[in-house]
Amino acid sequence: MEGIELAGLLAQIQANTAIAVGLIFAAAALGTGIGFALLGGKFLEGAARQPELAGMLQVRMFIIAGLLDALSIIGVAFAALLLFANPLLGAVQGAVGG
C-alpha cells in the first residue's frame, strides 16, 4: 500500500511541475512580447522625432533587446531544470528512502 501512495505522490509532483513549466514558458513569452512591443514603439517614436539620432537609438535598442532575450532564456533554463532534474522528486524519494 505504501508503494501506491508514493507513486501517487510522485505523479502529483510531476503533474504540478508540468503545469508550472507551462506557466513559466507562457510568462516568459508574454513578458518578452510586451517588452519588444514597447521597445519597438518607443524606438520608432524617438527616430521619428529626431531622425539624426536614429543610429544611436538603434544601437541602444539592440542592447535592450538582448537583455530582454536573456531574461526569457533564464526562465526557460529554470523551467528545463524543473522538468529534467526536478529537485522536488529527489527530496520526496530521499525522505522515503527509495
N, C-alpha and C. Protein backbone atom coordinates (compact mmCIF):
# COMPACT_ATOMS: atom_id res chain seq x y z
N MET A 1 0.82 -1.19 0.00
CA MET A 1 0.00 0.00 0.00
C MET A 1 0.87 1.26 0.00
N GLU A 2 1.99 1.19 0.66
CA GLU A 2 2.87 2.36 0.75
C GLU A 2 3.45 2.73 -0.61
N GLY A 3 3.72 1.73 -1.46
CA GLY A 3 4.24 1.99 -2.79
C GLY A 3 3.24 2.71 -3.67
N ILE A 4 1.94 2.40 -3.48
CA ILE A 4 0.90 3.06 -4.26
C ILE A 4 0.79 4.52 -3.86
N GLU A 5 0.87 4.80 -2.55
CA GLU A 5 0.81 6.20 -2.09
C GLU A 5 2.01 6.99 -2.59
N LEU A 6 3.18 6.39 -2.59
CA LEU A 6 4.39 7.06 -3.08
C LEU A 6 4.26 7.33 -4.58
N ALA A 7 3.76 6.36 -5.32
CA ALA A 7 3.59 6.54 -6.76
C ALA A 7 2.60 7.67 -7.05
N GLY A 8 1.53 7.74 -6.26
CA GLY A 8 0.56 8.82 -6.44
C GLY A 8 1.15 10.18 -6.12
N LEU A 9 1.97 10.24 -5.06
CA LEU A 9 2.62 11.50 -4.68
C LEU A 9 3.60 11.94 -5.76
N LEU A 10 4.38 11.00 -6.28
CA LEU A 10 5.34 11.34 -7.34
C LEU A 10 4.63 11.79 -8.62
N ALA A 11 3.51 11.15 -8.95
CA ALA A 11 2.74 11.55 -10.12
C ALA A 11 2.15 12.94 -9.93
N GLN A 12 1.70 13.24 -8.72
CA GLN A 12 1.15 14.58 -8.45
C GLN A 12 2.24 15.64 -8.56
N ILE A 13 3.43 15.35 -8.07
CA ILE A 13 4.55 16.30 -8.17
C ILE A 13 4.90 16.54 -9.64
N GLN A 14 4.94 15.46 -10.42
CA GLN A 14 5.26 15.61 -11.84
C GLN A 14 4.18 16.40 -12.57
N ALA A 15 2.93 16.18 -12.24
CA ALA A 15 1.84 16.92 -12.89
C ALA A 15 1.90 18.40 -12.54
N ASN A 16 2.12 18.72 -11.27
CA ASN A 16 2.22 20.12 -10.87
C ASN A 16 3.45 20.78 -11.46
N THR A 17 4.54 20.02 -11.61
CA THR A 17 5.74 20.56 -12.25
C THR A 17 5.48 20.87 -13.71
N ALA A 18 4.74 20.02 -14.40
CA ALA A 18 4.41 20.27 -15.81
C ALA A 18 3.57 21.54 -15.95
N ILE A 19 2.63 21.74 -15.04
CA ILE A 19 1.82 22.96 -15.06
C ILE A 19 2.70 24.19 -14.80
N ALA A 20 3.61 24.08 -13.84
CA ALA A 20 4.50 25.21 -13.52
C ALA A 20 5.40 25.54 -14.70
N VAL A 21 5.91 24.52 -15.39
CA VAL A 21 6.77 24.74 -16.55
C VAL A 21 5.99 25.45 -17.65
N GLY A 22 4.74 25.04 -17.87
CA GLY A 22 3.91 25.71 -18.86
C GLY A 22 3.66 27.16 -18.51
N LEU A 23 3.43 27.44 -17.24
CA LEU A 23 3.21 28.83 -16.80
C LEU A 23 4.48 29.66 -16.95
N ILE A 24 5.64 29.07 -16.67
CA ILE A 24 6.90 29.79 -16.83
C ILE A 24 7.14 30.13 -18.30
N PHE A 25 6.89 29.15 -19.19
CA PHE A 25 7.04 29.42 -20.63
C PHE A 25 6.09 30.51 -21.08
N ALA A 26 4.84 30.45 -20.62
CA ALA A 26 3.85 31.45 -21.03
C ALA A 26 4.23 32.84 -20.52
N ALA A 27 4.68 32.93 -19.27
CA ALA A 27 5.06 34.23 -18.71
C ALA A 27 6.29 34.79 -19.43
N ALA A 28 7.25 33.92 -19.75
CA ALA A 28 8.44 34.39 -20.47
C ALA A 28 8.07 34.91 -21.86
N ALA A 29 7.20 34.18 -22.56
CA ALA A 29 6.80 34.62 -23.89
C ALA A 29 5.98 35.90 -23.83
N LEU A 30 5.05 35.98 -22.90
CA LEU A 30 4.22 37.17 -22.79
C LEU A 30 5.04 38.39 -22.39
N GLY A 31 5.91 38.23 -21.41
CA GLY A 31 6.74 39.35 -20.97
C GLY A 31 7.69 39.83 -22.05
N THR A 32 8.30 38.90 -22.77
CA THR A 32 9.20 39.28 -23.85
C THR A 32 8.44 39.97 -24.98
N GLY A 33 7.27 39.46 -25.30
CA GLY A 33 6.46 40.07 -26.36
C GLY A 33 6.05 41.49 -26.01
N ILE A 34 5.60 41.70 -24.78
CA ILE A 34 5.22 43.04 -24.35
C ILE A 34 6.44 43.96 -24.33
N GLY A 35 7.56 43.44 -23.86
CA GLY A 35 8.78 44.24 -23.82
C GLY A 35 9.25 44.67 -25.20
N PHE A 36 9.22 43.74 -26.16
CA PHE A 36 9.63 44.08 -27.53
C PHE A 36 8.65 45.06 -28.16
N ALA A 37 7.37 44.91 -27.86
CA ALA A 37 6.39 45.85 -28.43
C ALA A 37 6.62 47.26 -27.91
N LEU A 38 6.84 47.39 -26.62
CA LEU A 38 7.11 48.72 -26.05
C LEU A 38 8.43 49.28 -26.57
N LEU A 39 9.44 48.43 -26.63
CA LEU A 39 10.76 48.87 -27.10
C LEU A 39 10.70 49.34 -28.55
N GLY A 40 10.06 48.55 -29.41
CA GLY A 40 9.96 48.93 -30.82
C GLY A 40 9.15 50.19 -31.02
N GLY A 41 8.06 50.32 -30.27
CA GLY A 41 7.24 51.53 -30.39
C GLY A 41 7.98 52.77 -29.96
N LYS A 42 8.69 52.69 -28.85
CA LYS A 42 9.44 53.85 -28.37
C LYS A 42 10.61 54.18 -29.31
N PHE A 43 11.22 53.13 -29.89
CA PHE A 43 12.31 53.39 -30.85
C PHE A 43 11.78 54.14 -32.07
N LEU A 44 10.67 53.66 -32.62
CA LEU A 44 10.11 54.32 -33.79
C LEU A 44 9.66 55.75 -33.47
N GLU A 45 9.12 55.93 -32.29
CA GLU A 45 8.71 57.27 -31.87
C GLU A 45 9.90 58.21 -31.75
N GLY A 46 10.97 57.72 -31.12
CA GLY A 46 12.17 58.54 -30.98
C GLY A 46 12.85 58.83 -32.30
N ALA A 47 12.89 57.83 -33.20
CA ALA A 47 13.51 58.04 -34.51
C ALA A 47 12.69 58.99 -35.37
N ALA A 48 11.37 58.98 -35.20
CA ALA A 48 10.54 59.89 -35.97
C ALA A 48 10.68 61.33 -35.47
N ARG A 49 10.88 61.48 -34.17
CA ARG A 49 11.02 62.83 -33.62
C ARG A 49 12.38 63.44 -33.94
N GLN A 50 13.44 62.61 -33.84
CA GLN A 50 14.79 63.11 -34.11
C GLN A 50 15.52 62.10 -35.01
N PRO A 51 15.36 62.22 -36.31
CA PRO A 51 15.96 61.25 -37.23
C PRO A 51 17.48 61.19 -37.16
N GLU A 52 18.11 62.28 -36.76
CA GLU A 52 19.58 62.28 -36.70
C GLU A 52 20.12 61.39 -35.58
N LEU A 53 19.29 61.04 -34.61
CA LEU A 53 19.71 60.17 -33.51
C LEU A 53 19.30 58.72 -33.72
N ALA A 54 18.78 58.39 -34.88
CA ALA A 54 18.25 57.04 -35.13
C ALA A 54 19.33 55.97 -34.99
N GLY A 55 20.55 56.25 -35.45
CA GLY A 55 21.63 55.27 -35.33
C GLY A 55 21.97 54.95 -33.89
N MET A 56 22.10 55.98 -33.08
CA MET A 56 22.42 55.78 -31.66
C MET A 56 21.26 55.06 -30.95
N LEU A 57 20.04 55.45 -31.29
CA LEU A 57 18.88 54.80 -30.67
C LEU A 57 18.79 53.33 -31.07
N GLN A 58 19.17 53.04 -32.31
CA GLN A 58 19.10 51.65 -32.77
C GLN A 58 20.10 50.77 -32.01
N VAL A 59 21.29 51.28 -31.77
CA VAL A 59 22.29 50.53 -31.01
C VAL A 59 21.77 50.24 -29.61
N ARG A 60 21.22 51.24 -28.97
CA ARG A 60 20.69 51.06 -27.62
C ARG A 60 19.49 50.12 -27.61
N MET A 61 18.68 50.19 -28.67
CA MET A 61 17.53 49.29 -28.75
C MET A 61 17.99 47.84 -28.82
N PHE A 62 19.03 47.56 -29.60
CA PHE A 62 19.51 46.19 -29.71
C PHE A 62 20.14 45.70 -28.42
N ILE A 63 20.77 46.57 -27.66
CA ILE A 63 21.32 46.18 -26.36
C ILE A 63 20.19 45.78 -25.42
N ILE A 64 19.14 46.59 -25.36
CA ILE A 64 18.00 46.28 -24.51
C ILE A 64 17.29 45.02 -25.00
N ALA A 65 17.21 44.82 -26.32
CA ALA A 65 16.59 43.61 -26.87
C ALA A 65 17.36 42.36 -26.43
N GLY A 66 18.68 42.45 -26.39
CA GLY A 66 19.49 41.34 -25.89
C GLY A 66 19.22 41.04 -24.43
N LEU A 67 19.04 42.08 -23.64
CA LEU A 67 18.73 41.88 -22.22
C LEU A 67 17.34 41.27 -22.04
N LEU A 68 16.40 41.69 -22.87
CA LEU A 68 15.05 41.09 -22.82
C LEU A 68 15.11 39.61 -23.16
N ASP A 69 15.87 39.25 -24.18
CA ASP A 69 16.00 37.84 -24.54
C ASP A 69 16.70 37.06 -23.44
N ALA A 70 17.69 37.64 -22.83
CA ALA A 70 18.42 36.95 -21.76
C ALA A 70 17.49 36.64 -20.59
N LEU A 71 16.60 37.55 -20.27
CA LEU A 71 15.69 37.32 -19.17
C LEU A 71 14.75 36.15 -19.46
N SER A 72 14.24 36.06 -20.67
CA SER A 72 13.35 34.94 -21.01
C SER A 72 14.12 33.63 -21.08
N ILE A 73 15.37 33.66 -21.52
CA ILE A 73 16.18 32.44 -21.57
C ILE A 73 16.47 31.93 -20.17
N ILE A 74 16.65 32.81 -19.21
CA ILE A 74 16.84 32.39 -17.82
C ILE A 74 15.60 31.66 -17.32
N GLY A 75 14.41 32.18 -17.67
CA GLY A 75 13.17 31.50 -17.29
C GLY A 75 13.05 30.13 -17.94
N VAL A 76 13.43 30.02 -19.20
CA VAL A 76 13.38 28.74 -19.90
C VAL A 76 14.37 27.76 -19.28
N ALA A 77 15.56 28.22 -18.90
CA ALA A 77 16.55 27.35 -18.27
C ALA A 77 16.05 26.85 -16.91
N PHE A 78 15.40 27.72 -16.15
CA PHE A 78 14.84 27.29 -14.87
C PHE A 78 13.73 26.26 -15.07
N ALA A 79 12.91 26.48 -16.10
CA ALA A 79 11.85 25.52 -16.39
C ALA A 79 12.43 24.17 -16.82
N ALA A 80 13.51 24.19 -17.61
CA ALA A 80 14.16 22.95 -18.02
C ALA A 80 14.76 22.23 -16.82
N LEU A 81 15.29 22.98 -15.87
CA LEU A 81 15.79 22.37 -14.65
C LEU A 81 14.68 21.65 -13.90
N LEU A 82 13.53 22.30 -13.77
CA LEU A 82 12.41 21.66 -13.10
C LEU A 82 11.90 20.45 -13.87
N LEU A 83 11.96 20.53 -15.18
CA LEU A 83 11.41 19.45 -15.99
C LEU A 83 12.31 18.22 -16.00
N PHE A 84 13.61 18.40 -16.12
CA PHE A 84 14.51 17.27 -16.31
C PHE A 84 15.28 16.86 -15.06
N ALA A 85 15.48 17.74 -14.12
CA ALA A 85 16.21 17.42 -12.89
C ALA A 85 15.43 17.99 -11.71
N ASN A 86 14.23 17.48 -11.52
CA ASN A 86 13.31 18.04 -10.53
C ASN A 86 13.83 17.80 -9.11
N PRO A 87 14.17 18.86 -8.38
CA PRO A 87 14.66 18.67 -7.02
C PRO A 87 13.55 18.22 -6.06
N LEU A 88 12.30 18.47 -6.40
CA LEU A 88 11.20 18.04 -5.53
C LEU A 88 11.05 16.53 -5.52
N LEU A 89 11.25 15.91 -6.67
CA LEU A 89 11.18 14.44 -6.73
C LEU A 89 12.30 13.81 -5.91
N GLY A 90 13.49 14.39 -6.03
CA GLY A 90 14.62 13.86 -5.26
C GLY A 90 14.42 13.97 -3.78
N ALA A 91 13.80 15.08 -3.34
CA ALA A 91 13.56 15.26 -1.91
C ALA A 91 12.56 14.24 -1.39
N VAL A 92 11.51 13.97 -2.16
CA VAL A 92 10.50 13.01 -1.73
C VAL A 92 11.08 11.60 -1.73
N GLN A 93 11.81 11.25 -2.77
CA GLN A 93 12.41 9.92 -2.82
C GLN A 93 13.45 9.72 -1.73
N GLY A 94 14.20 10.79 -1.41
CA GLY A 94 15.18 10.70 -0.34
C GLY A 94 14.53 10.56 1.03
N ALA A 95 13.39 11.21 1.23
CA ALA A 95 12.70 11.12 2.52
C ALA A 95 12.10 9.73 2.73
N VAL A 96 11.67 9.09 1.65
CA VAL A 96 11.08 7.77 1.75
C VAL A 96 12.17 6.71 1.83
N GLY A 97 13.31 7.01 1.26
CA GLY A 97 14.42 6.05 1.28
C GLY A 97 14.53 5.24 0.02
N GLY A 98 13.88 5.71 -1.05
CA GLY A 98 13.90 4.95 -2.32
C GLY A 98 14.57 5.74 -3.32
